[in-house]
Amino acid sequence: MLRTRVLSAIVLIPIVAGALYLGGWWFTAAILLVAGLAASEFYNLMSKADLSANQYLGWGMIATFILAAFQASWKPWLDFAFTFLLLASLVWHMLRKDRSAPGSDWIATVAGTLYFGWLGSRFVALRELPDGLLWVALALLSTWITDSGAYFVGRQWGRRKLAPRLSPKKTWEGAVGGWVIGVALTPLVAWIMGLPALHGLVIGALVATVAPLGDLAESMFKRQVGAKDSSNLIPGHGGMLDRIDSLLFVVPIVYYYVALIV
């Protein structure tokens, strides 16, 4: 399993790094693709809970959030598009006669747009800030360091279950180990990248704190429907949602820290 995970990472890391480096439409298009794939997996999970979301309208609303973060001048038209799609989704579910709980179906549709549209748009918003390339890279690396630290510490010394109802394999030892490693190494990574080490320390603490919550949030949905992974899209890693669950918490937090404090 570890070998497969490493091989998949070797293939994916250059693609992610290339899109991040190029920025602009390249990065925005990559986020649109990633958010769309993750949303599809989320809606498929919801279908196992007998919730029938409208994926097409959901994807459309997700795109309006992400595009608005990249093209501020388009925002009035994108606001109109989102409003139209939101109302259309409500009418769609209202008129369906083959569903016994159309209100719950609509809630699932809209929940996906917020989960992957609004949170996903913060990836683009962070990249568009001054030194956005470095801040996004720091958020990604800090998350990877924290997750890897938690994985290896938990595997070696994990005994006490962190949240058995949501994720039976996660342990307090792994969570604490990941937190310590993330906080310790992120300032060094920031310094190497030419960013202030003090901001790296704060971001390391923020990332190490919220990354496990993002992971557990996805686990909440998977455990509800008895799924191990969101899909088998990425060998050794599961689905796209499995890869970005922590980042959906991390990147918005880093964005607001950089935008409001740095």
C-alpha atoms as a PDB file:
ATOM      1  CA  MET A   1       0.000   0.000   0.000  1.00  0.00           C
ATOM      2  CA  LEU A   2       2.763   2.465   0.947  1.00  0.00           C
ATOM      3  CA  ARG A   3       4.594   1.771  -2.313  1.00  0.00           C
ATOM      4  CA  THR A   4       1.441   2.431  -4.327  1.00  0.00           C
ATOM      5  CA  ARG A   5       0.837   5.682  -2.426  1.00  0.00           C
ATOM      6  CA  VAL A   6       4.379   6.833  -3.134  1.00  0.00           C
ATOM      7  CA  LEU A   7       4.156   5.983  -6.844  1.00  0.00           C
ATOM      8  CA  SER A   8       0.871   7.876  -7.170  1.00  0.00           C
ATOM      9  CA  ALA A   9       2.425  10.853  -5.383  1.00  0.00           C
ATOM     10  CA  ILE A  10       5.396  10.817  -7.763  1.00  0.00           C
ATOM     11  CA  VAL A  11       2.966  11.165 -10.673  1.00  0.00           C
ATOM     12  CA  LEU A  12       0.660  13.744  -9.076  1.00  0.00           C
ATOM     13  CA  ILE A  13       3.160  16.092  -7.393  1.00  0.00           C
ATOM     14  CA  PRO A  14       4.677  17.456 -10.653  1.00  0.00           C
ATOM     15  CA  ILE A  15       1.184  18.092 -12.049  1.00  0.00           C
ATOM     16  CA  VAL A  16       0.092  19.953  -8.922  1.00  0.00           C
ATOM     17  CA  ALA A  17       3.360  21.876  -8.750  1.00  0.00           C
ATOM     18  CA  GLY A  18       3.128  22.846 -12.420  1.00  0.00           C
ATOM     19  CA  ALA A  19      -0.427  24.174 -12.136  1.00  0.00           C
ATOM     20  CA  LEU A  20       0.463  26.035  -8.946  1.00  0.00           C
ATOM     21  CA  TYR A  21       3.567  27.593 -10.491  1.00  0.00           C
ATOM     22  CA  LEU A  22       1.763  28.699 -13.657  1.00  0.00           C
ATOM     23  CA  GLY A  23      -1.143  30.175 -11.685  1.00  0.00           C
ATOM     24  CA  GLY A  24      -3.801  32.132 -13.562  1.00  0.00           C
ATOM     25  CA  TRP A  25      -6.151  30.094 -15.680  1.00  0.00           C
ATOM     26  CA  TRP A  26      -3.988  26.981 -15.323  1.00  0.00           C
ATOM     27  CA  PHE A  27      -4.390  26.880 -11.566  1.00  0.00           C
ATOM     28  CA  THR A  28      -8.036  27.930 -11.713  1.00  0.00           C
ATOM     29  CA  ALA A  29      -8.796  25.184 -14.240  1.00  0.00           C
ATOM     30  CA  ALA A  30      -7.018  22.657 -12.019  1.00  0.00           C
ATOM     31  CA  ILE A  31      -9.111  23.708  -9.020  1.00  0.00           C
ATOM     32  CA  LEU A  32     -12.288  23.509 -11.091  1.00  0.00           C
ATOM     33  CA  LEU A  33     -11.367  19.950 -12.095  1.00  0.00           C
ATOM     34  CA  VAL A  34     -10.397  18.888  -8.579  1.00  0.00           C
ATOM     35  CA  ALA A  35     -13.512  20.445  -7.031  1.00  0.00           C
ATOM     36  CA  GLY A  36     -15.719  18.859  -9.689  1.00  0.00           C
ATOM     37  CA  LEU A  37     -14.266  15.390  -9.119  1.00  0.00           C
ATOM     38  CA  ALA A  38     -14.493  15.708  -5.333  1.00  0.00           C
ATOM     39  CA  ALA A  39     -18.074  16.967  -5.586  1.00  0.00           C
ATOM     40  CA  SER A  40     -19.010  14.019  -7.781  1.00  0.00           C
ATOM     41  CA  GLU A  41     -17.607  11.663  -5.161  1.00  0.00           C
ATOM     42  CA  PHE A  42     -19.489  13.512  -2.426  1.00  0.00           C
ATOM     43  CA  TYR A  43     -22.776  13.309  -4.316  1.00  0.00           C
ATOM     44  CA  ASN A  44     -22.195   9.604  -4.945  1.00  0.00           C
ATOM     45  CA  LEU A  45     -21.664   9.110  -1.214  1.00  0.00           C
ATOM     46  CA  MET A  46     -24.915  10.960  -0.586  1.00  0.00           C
ATOM     47  CA  SER A  47     -26.705   8.642  -2.997  1.00  0.00           C
ATOM     48  CA  LYS A  48     -25.750   5.731  -0.729  1.00  0.00           C
ATOM     49  CA  ALA A  49     -27.662   7.540   2.010  1.00  0.00           C
ATOM     50  CA  ASP A  50     -30.679   7.663  -0.336  1.00  0.00           C
ATOM     51  CA  LEU A  51     -30.151  11.349  -1.156  1.00  0.00           C
ATOM     52  CA  SER A  52     -30.507  12.250  -4.814  1.00  0.00           C
ATOM     53  CA  ALA A  53     -28.624  15.501  -5.484  1.00  0.00           C
ATOM     54  CA  ASN A  54     -28.563  17.222  -8.870  1.00  0.00           C
ATOM     55  CA  GLN A  55     -24.874  17.019  -9.746  1.00  0.00           C
ATOM     56  CA  TYR A  56     -25.099  19.185 -12.854  1.00  0.00           C
ATOM     57  CA  LEU A  57     -26.628  22.152 -11.061  1.00  0.00           C
ATOM     58  CA  GLY A  58     -24.228  21.552  -8.178  1.00  0.00           C
ATOM     59  CA  TRP A  59     -21.213  21.677 -10.507  1.00  0.00           C
ATOM     60  CA  GLY A  60     -22.529  24.889 -12.041  1.00  0.00           C
ATOM     61  CA  MET A  61     -22.834  26.591  -8.662  1.00  0.00           C
ATOM     62  CA  ILE A  62     -19.378  25.351  -7.642  1.00  0.00           C
ATOM     63  CA  ALA A  63     -17.912  26.908 -10.800  1.00  0.00           C
ATOM     64  CA  THR A  64     -19.446  30.311 -10.017  1.00  0.00           C
ATOM     65  CA  PHE A  65     -17.640  30.456  -6.651  1.00  0.00           C
ATOM     66  CA  ILE A  66     -14.275  29.445  -8.081  1.00  0.00           C
ATOM     67  CA  LEU A  67     -14.444  31.713 -11.137  1.00  0.00           C
ATOM     68  CA  ALA A  68     -15.491  34.680  -8.990  1.00  0.00           C
ATOM     69  CA  ALA A  69     -12.340  34.235  -6.900  1.00  0.00           C
ATOM     70  CA  PHE A  70     -10.232  34.502 -10.065  1.00  0.00           C
ATOM     71  CA  GLN A  71     -12.112  37.110 -12.112  1.00  0.00           C
ATOM     72  CA  ALA A  72     -13.496  39.772  -9.787  1.00  0.00           C
ATOM     73  CA  SER A  73     -14.849  41.731 -12.759  1.00  0.00           C
ATOM     74  CA  TRP A  74     -17.136  38.806 -13.587  1.00  0.00           C
ATOM     75  CA  LYS A  75     -18.656  38.741 -10.106  1.00  0.00           C
ATOM     76  CA  PRO A  76     -21.975  40.500 -10.939  1.00  0.00           C
ATOM     77  CA  TRP A  77     -22.673  38.000 -13.716  1.00  0.00           C
ATOM     78  CA  LEU A  78     -21.476  35.070 -11.638  1.00  0.00           C
ATOM     79  CA  ASP A  79     -23.710  36.191  -8.759  1.00  0.00           C
ATOM     80  CA  PHE A  80     -26.613  36.192 -11.199  1.00  0.00           C
ATOM     81  CA  ALA A  81     -25.626  32.725 -12.458  1.00  0.00           C
ATOM     82  CA  PHE A  82     -25.409  31.361  -8.922  1.00  0.00           C
ATOM     83  CA  THR A  83     -28.788  32.837  -8.007  1.00  0.00           C
ATOM     84  CA  PHE A  84     -30.384  31.368 -11.110  1.00  0.00           C
ATOM     85  CA  LEU A  85     -28.841  27.935 -10.516  1.00  0.00           C
ATOM     86  CA  LEU A  86     -29.788  27.972  -6.831  1.00  0.00           C
ATOM     87  CA  LEU A  87     -33.425  28.736  -7.644  1.00  0.00           C
ATOM     88  CA  ALA A  88     -33.366  26.236 -10.506  1.00  0.00           C
ATOM     89  CA  SER A  89     -32.118  23.535  -8.135  1.00  0.00           C
ATOM     90  CA  LEU A  90     -34.956  24.284  -5.719  1.00  0.00           C
ATOM     91  CA  VAL A  91     -37.536  24.105  -8.501  1.00  0.00           C
ATOM     92  CA  TRP A  92     -35.976  20.917  -9.892  1.00  0.00           C
ATOM     93  CA  HIS A  93     -36.258  19.068  -6.593  1.00  0.00           C
ATOM     94  CA  MET A  94     -39.677  20.559  -5.920  1.00  0.00           C
ATOM     95  CA  LEU A  95     -41.078  19.202  -9.183  1.00  0.00           C
ATOM     96  CA  ARG A  96     -39.628  15.698  -8.902  1.00  0.00           C
ATOM     97  CA  LYS A  97     -42.445  13.257  -8.256  1.00  0.00           C
ATOM     98  CA  ASP A  98     -40.313  10.139  -7.782  1.00  0.00           C
ATOM     99  CA  ARG A  99     -38.705  11.282  -4.513  1.00  0.00           C
ATOM    100  CA  SER A 100     -40.231  11.054  -1.051  1.00  0.00           C
ATOM    101  CA  ALA A 101     -37.867  13.606   0.571  1.00  0.00           C
ATOM    102  CA  PRO A 102     -37.096  16.254  -2.073  1.00  0.00           C
ATOM    103  CA  GLY A 103     -36.147  18.823   0.556  1.00  0.00           C
ATOM    104  CA  SER A 104     -33.327  16.604   1.829  1.00  0.00           C
ATOM    105  CA  ASP A 105     -32.193  16.022  -1.775  1.00  0.00           C
ATOM    106  CA  TRP A 106     -31.988  19.789  -2.321  1.00  0.00           C
ATOM    107  CA  ILE A 107     -30.028  20.273   0.895  1.00  0.00           C
ATOM    108  CA  ALA A 108     -27.515  17.672  -0.317  1.00  0.00           C
ATOM    109  CA  THR A 109     -27.156  19.533  -3.621  1.00  0.00           C
ATOM    110  CA  VAL A 110     -26.516  22.877  -1.937  1.00  0.00           C
ATOM    111  CA  ALA A 111     -24.241  21.384   0.729  1.00  0.00           C
ATOM    112  CA  GLY A 112     -21.937  20.133  -2.010  1.00  0.00           C
ATOM    113  CA  THR A 113     -21.753  23.567  -3.616  1.00  0.00           C
ATOM    114  CA  LEU A 114     -20.658  25.179  -0.342  1.00  0.00           C
ATOM    115  CA  TYR A 115     -18.268  22.383   0.585  1.00  0.00           C
ATOM    116  CA  PHE A 116     -16.420  22.413  -2.728  1.00  0.00           C
ATOM    117  CA  GLY A 117     -17.425  25.739  -4.270  1.00  0.00           C
ATOM    118  CA  TRP A 118     -16.931  28.226  -1.447  1.00  0.00           C
ATOM    119  CA  LEU A 119     -14.080  26.384   0.292  1.00  0.00           C
ATOM    120  CA  GLY A 120     -12.530  25.465  -3.071  1.00  0.00           C
ATOM    121  CA  SER A 121     -12.614  29.097  -4.190  1.00  0.00           C
ATOM    122  CA  ARG A 122     -10.237  29.978  -1.327  1.00  0.00           C
ATOM    123  CA  PHE A 123      -7.495  28.026  -3.130  1.00  0.00           C
ATOM    124  CA  VAL A 124      -7.739  30.443  -6.049  1.00  0.00           C
ATOM    125  CA  ALA A 125      -8.158  33.462  -3.770  1.00  0.00           C
ATOM    126  CA  LEU A 126      -4.967  32.542  -1.873  1.00  0.00           C
ATOM    127  CA  ARG A 127      -3.030  32.024  -5.109  1.00  0.00           C
ATOM    128  CA  GLU A 128      -4.132  35.473  -6.320  1.00  0.00           C
ATOM    129  CA  LEU A 129      -2.721  37.259  -3.251  1.00  0.00           C
ATOM    130  CA  PRO A 130       0.781  38.810  -3.317  1.00  0.00           C
ATOM    131  CA  ASP A 131       3.272  35.920  -2.978  1.00  0.00           C
ATOM    132  CA  GLY A 132       0.292  33.632  -3.423  1.00  0.00           C
ATOM    133  CA  LEU A 133       2.455  30.944  -5.008  1.00  0.00           C
ATOM    134  CA  LEU A 134       4.536  30.703  -1.833  1.00  0.00           C
ATOM    135  CA  TRP A 135       1.571  30.817   0.553  1.00  0.00           C
ATOM    136  CA  VAL A 136      -0.294  28.040  -1.265  1.00  0.00           C
ATOM    137  CA  ALA A 137       2.894  25.969  -1.414  1.00  0.00           C
ATOM    138  CA  LEU A 138       3.416  26.489   2.330  1.00  0.00           C
ATOM    139  CA  ALA A 139      -0.164  25.434   3.078  1.00  0.00           C
ATOM    140  CA  LEU A 140       0.246  22.285   0.972  1.00  0.00           C
ATOM    141  CA  LEU A 141       3.637  21.359   2.421  1.00  0.00           C
ATOM    142  CA  SER A 142       2.552  22.032   5.998  1.00  0.00           C
ATOM    143  CA  THR A 143      -0.511  19.838   5.524  1.00  0.00           C
ATOM    144  CA  TRP A 144       1.599  17.064   3.995  1.00  0.00           C
ATOM    145  CA  ILE A 145       4.115  17.278   6.854  1.00  0.00           C
ATOM    146  CA  THR A 146       1.373  17.177   9.489  1.00  0.00           C
ATOM    147  CA  ASP A 147      -0.502  14.300   7.838  1.00  0.00           C
ATOM    148  CA  SER A 148       2.689  12.297   7.284  1.00  0.00           C
ATOM    149  CA  GLY A 149       3.830  12.882  10.855  1.00  0.00           C
ATOM    150  CA  ALA A 150       0.454  11.772  12.204  1.00  0.00           C
ATOM    151  CA  TYR A 151       0.474   8.688   9.970  1.00  0.00           C
ATOM    152  CA  PHE A 152       3.912   7.432  10.956  1.00  0.00           C
ATOM    153  CA  VAL A 153       3.645   8.315  14.660  1.00  0.00           C
ATOM    154  CA  GLY A 154       0.190   6.756  14.858  1.00  0.00           C
ATOM    155  CA  ARG A 155       1.352   3.659  13.036  1.00  0.00           C
ATOM    156  CA  GLN A 156       4.288   3.188  15.388  1.00  0.00           C
ATOM    157  CA  TRP A 157       2.885   4.258  18.745  1.00  0.00           C
ATOM    158  CA  GLY A 158      -0.846   4.794  18.315  1.00  0.00           C
ATOM    159  CA  ARG A 159      -2.964   3.181  21.026  1.00  0.00           C
ATOM    160  CA  ARG A 160      -5.776   5.517  22.115  1.00  0.00           C
ATOM    161  CA  LYS A 161      -8.541   6.062  19.543  1.00  0.00           C
ATOM    162  CA  LEU A 162      -9.114   9.718  18.608  1.00  0.00           C
ATOM    163  CA  ALA A 163     -12.635   9.502  17.165  1.00  0.00           C
ATOM    164  CA  PRO A 164     -13.649   5.841  16.758  1.00  0.00           C
ATOM    165  CA  ARG A 165     -17.172   6.780  15.675  1.00  0.00           C
ATOM    166  CA  LEU A 166     -15.765   8.638  12.662  1.00  0.00           C
ATOM    167  CA  SER A 167     -12.328   7.164  11.957  1.00  0.00           C
ATOM    168  CA  PRO A 168     -11.375   3.938  13.747  1.00  0.00           C
ATOM    169  CA  LYS A 169      -7.682   4.079  12.781  1.00  0.00           C
ATOM    170  CA  LYS A 170      -6.833   7.593  13.997  1.00  0.00           C
ATOM    171  CA  THR A 171      -5.212   7.848  17.407  1.00  0.00           C
ATOM    172  CA  TRP A 172      -4.430  10.583  19.903  1.00  0.00           C
ATOM    173  CA  GLU A 173      -0.755   9.682  19.668  1.00  0.00           C
ATOM    174  CA  GLY A 174      -0.813  10.208  15.912  1.00  0.00           C
ATOM    175  CA  ALA A 175      -2.723  13.485  16.217  1.00  0.00           C
ATOM    176  CA  VAL A 176      -0.325  14.883  18.818  1.00  0.00           C
ATOM    177  CA  GLY A 177       2.709  13.642  16.893  1.00  0.00           C
ATOM    178  CA  GLY A 178       1.443  15.224  13.682  1.00  0.00           C
ATOM    179  CA  TRP A 179       0.752  18.491  15.492  1.00  0.00           C
ATOM    180  CA  VAL A 180       4.230  18.668  17.026  1.00  0.00           C
ATOM    181  CA  ILE A 181       5.978  17.780  13.762  1.00  0.00           C
ATOM    182  CA  GLY A 182       3.854  20.233  11.758  1.00  0.00           C
ATOM    183  CA  VAL A 183       4.465  23.111  14.172  1.00  0.00           C
ATOM    184  CA  ALA A 184       8.181  22.333  14.390  1.00  0.00           C
ATOM    185  CA  LEU A 185       8.912  22.004  10.672  1.00  0.00           C
ATOM    186  CA  THR A 186       6.590  24.551   9.022  1.00  0.00           C
ATOM    187  CA  PRO A 187       8.634  27.596  10.210  1.00  0.00           C
ATOM    188  CA  LEU A 188      11.740  25.985   8.714  1.00  0.00           C
ATOM    189  CA  VAL A 189       9.937  25.394   5.421  1.00  0.00           C
ATOM    190  CA  ALA A 190       8.708  29.011   5.444  1.00  0.00           C
ATOM    191  CA  TRP A 191      12.234  30.304   6.100  1.00  0.00           C
ATOM    192  CA  ILE A 192      13.650  28.189   3.253  1.00  0.00           C
ATOM    193  CA  MET A 193      10.955  29.624   0.955  1.00  0.00           C
ATOM    194  CA  GLY A 194      11.823  33.193   1.969  1.00  0.00           C
ATOM    195  CA  LEU A 195       8.704  33.753   4.061  1.00  0.00           C
ATOM    196  CA  PRO A 196       8.839  35.048   7.660  1.00  0.00           C
ATOM    197  CA  ALA A 197       9.481  32.160  10.044  1.00  0.00           C
ATOM    198  CA  LEU A 198       7.118  33.690  12.622  1.00  0.00           C
ATOM    199  CA  HIS A 199       4.225  33.509  10.164  1.00  0.00           C
ATOM    200  CA  GLY A 200       5.365  29.981   9.379  1.00  0.00           C
ATOM    201  CA  LEU A 201       5.087  29.099  13.063  1.00  0.00           C
ATOM    202  CA  VAL A 202       1.536  30.479  13.308  1.00  0.00           C
ATOM    203  CA  ILE A 203       0.480  28.829  10.063  1.00  0.00           C
ATOM    204  CA  GLY A 204       2.059  25.568  11.204  1.00  0.00           C
ATOM    205  CA  ALA A 205      -0.019  25.665  14.398  1.00  0.00           C
ATOM    206  CA  LEU A 206      -3.196  26.538  12.481  1.00  0.00           C
ATOM    207  CA  VAL A 207      -2.647  23.839   9.874  1.00  0.00           C
ATOM    208  CA  ALA A 208      -1.738  21.170  12.436  1.00  0.00           C
ATOM    209  CA  THR A 209      -4.921  22.002  14.345  1.00  0.00           C
ATOM    210  CA  VAL A 210      -7.470  22.118  11.517  1.00  0.00           C
ATOM    211  CA  ALA A 211      -6.067  19.501   9.112  1.00  0.00           C
ATOM    212  CA  PRO A 212      -7.279  16.553  11.227  1.00  0.00           C
ATOM    213  CA  LEU A 213     -10.713  18.190  11.454  1.00  0.00           C
ATOM    214  CA  GLY A 214     -10.942  18.286   7.666  1.00  0.00           C
ATOM    215  CA  ASP A 215     -10.065  14.613   7.540  1.00  0.00           C
ATOM    216  CA  LEU A 216     -12.657  13.756  10.180  1.00  0.00           C
ATOM    217  CA  ALA A 217     -15.305  15.826   8.387  1.00  0.00           C
ATOM    218  CA  GLU A 218     -14.983  13.638   5.310  1.00  0.00           C
ATOM    219  CA  SER A 219     -14.885  10.516   7.485  1.00  0.00           C
ATOM    220  CA  MET A 220     -18.223  11.599   8.944  1.00  0.00           C
ATOM    221  CA  PHE A 221     -19.821  11.265   5.508  1.00  0.00           C
ATOM    222  CA  LYS A 222     -18.024   8.042   4.607  1.00  0.00           C
ATOM    223  CA  ARG A 223     -18.831   6.279   7.862  1.00  0.00           C
ATOM    224  CA  GLN A 224     -22.486   7.258   7.604  1.00  0.00           C
ATOM    225  CA  VAL A 225     -22.782   5.268   4.385  1.00  0.00           C
ATOM    226  CA  GLY A 226     -20.220   2.578   5.229  1.00  0.00           C
ATOM    227  CA  ALA A 227     -17.617   3.621   2.658  1.00  0.00           C
ATOM    228  CA  LYS A 228     -13.862   3.233   3.198  1.00  0.00           C
ATOM    229  CA  ASP A 229     -12.814   5.701   0.479  1.00  0.00           C
ATOM    230  CA  SER A 230     -14.667   8.350  -1.496  1.00  0.00           C
ATOM    231  CA  SER A 231     -13.705   6.450  -4.697  1.00  0.00           C
ATOM    232  CA  ASN A 232     -10.796   4.462  -6.155  1.00  0.00           C
ATOM    233  CA  LEU A 233      -9.697   7.235  -8.515  1.00  0.00           C
ATOM    234  CA  ILE A 234      -6.107   7.495  -7.210  1.00  0.00           C
ATOM    235  CA  PRO A 235      -4.306   4.173  -6.558  1.00  0.00           C
ATOM    236  CA  GLY A 236      -3.272   3.892  -2.935  1.00  0.00           C
ATOM    237  CA  HIS A 237      -4.975   7.139  -1.980  1.00  0.00           C
ATOM    238  CA  GLY A 238      -8.666   6.519  -2.642  1.00  0.00           C
ATOM    239  CA  GLY A 239     -10.595   9.340  -4.255  1.00  0.00           C
ATOM    240  CA  MET A 240     -10.007  13.021  -4.909  1.00  0.00           C
ATOM    241  CA  LEU A 241     -11.979  13.945  -1.807  1.00  0.00           C
ATOM    242  CA  ASP A 242      -9.705  11.695   0.242  1.00  0.00           C
ATOM    243  CA  ARG A 243      -6.754  13.764  -0.995  1.00  0.00           C
ATOM    244  CA  ILE A 244      -8.173  17.234  -0.381  1.00  0.00           C
ATOM    245  CA  ASP A 245     -10.325  16.730   2.728  1.00  0.00           C
ATOM    246  CA  SER A 246      -7.730  18.295   5.046  1.00  0.00           C
ATOM    247  CA  LEU A 247      -6.926  21.061   2.554  1.00  0.00           C
ATOM    248  CA  LEU A 248     -10.574  22.140   2.427  1.00  0.00           C
ATOM    249  CA  PHE A 249     -10.105  23.225   6.049  1.00  0.00           C
ATOM    250  CA  VAL A 250      -6.483  24.322   5.802  1.00  0.00           C
ATOM    251  CA  VAL A 251      -6.454  26.578   2.747  1.00  0.00           C
ATOM    252  CA  PRO A 252      -9.387  28.823   3.807  1.00  0.00           C
ATOM    253  CA  ILE A 253      -7.771  29.312   7.233  1.00  0.00           C
ATOM    254  CA  VAL A 254      -4.402  30.158   5.656  1.00  0.00           C
ATOM    255  CA  TYR A 255      -6.090  32.484   3.164  1.00  0.00           C
ATOM    256  CA  TYR A 256      -7.803  34.556   5.852  1.00  0.00           C
ATOM    257  CA  TYR A 257      -4.660  34.623   7.981  1.00  0.00           C
ATOM    258  CA  VAL A 258      -2.601  35.946   5.068  1.00  0.00           C
ATOM    259  CA  ALA A 259      -5.292  38.332   3.785  1.00  0.00           C
ATOM    260  CA  LEU A 260      -6.186  39.818   7.173  1.00  0.00           C
ATOM    261  CA  ILE A 261      -2.983  39.613   9.233  1.00  0.00           C
ATOM    262  CA  VAL A 262       0.159  39.267   7.108  1.00  0.00           C
END
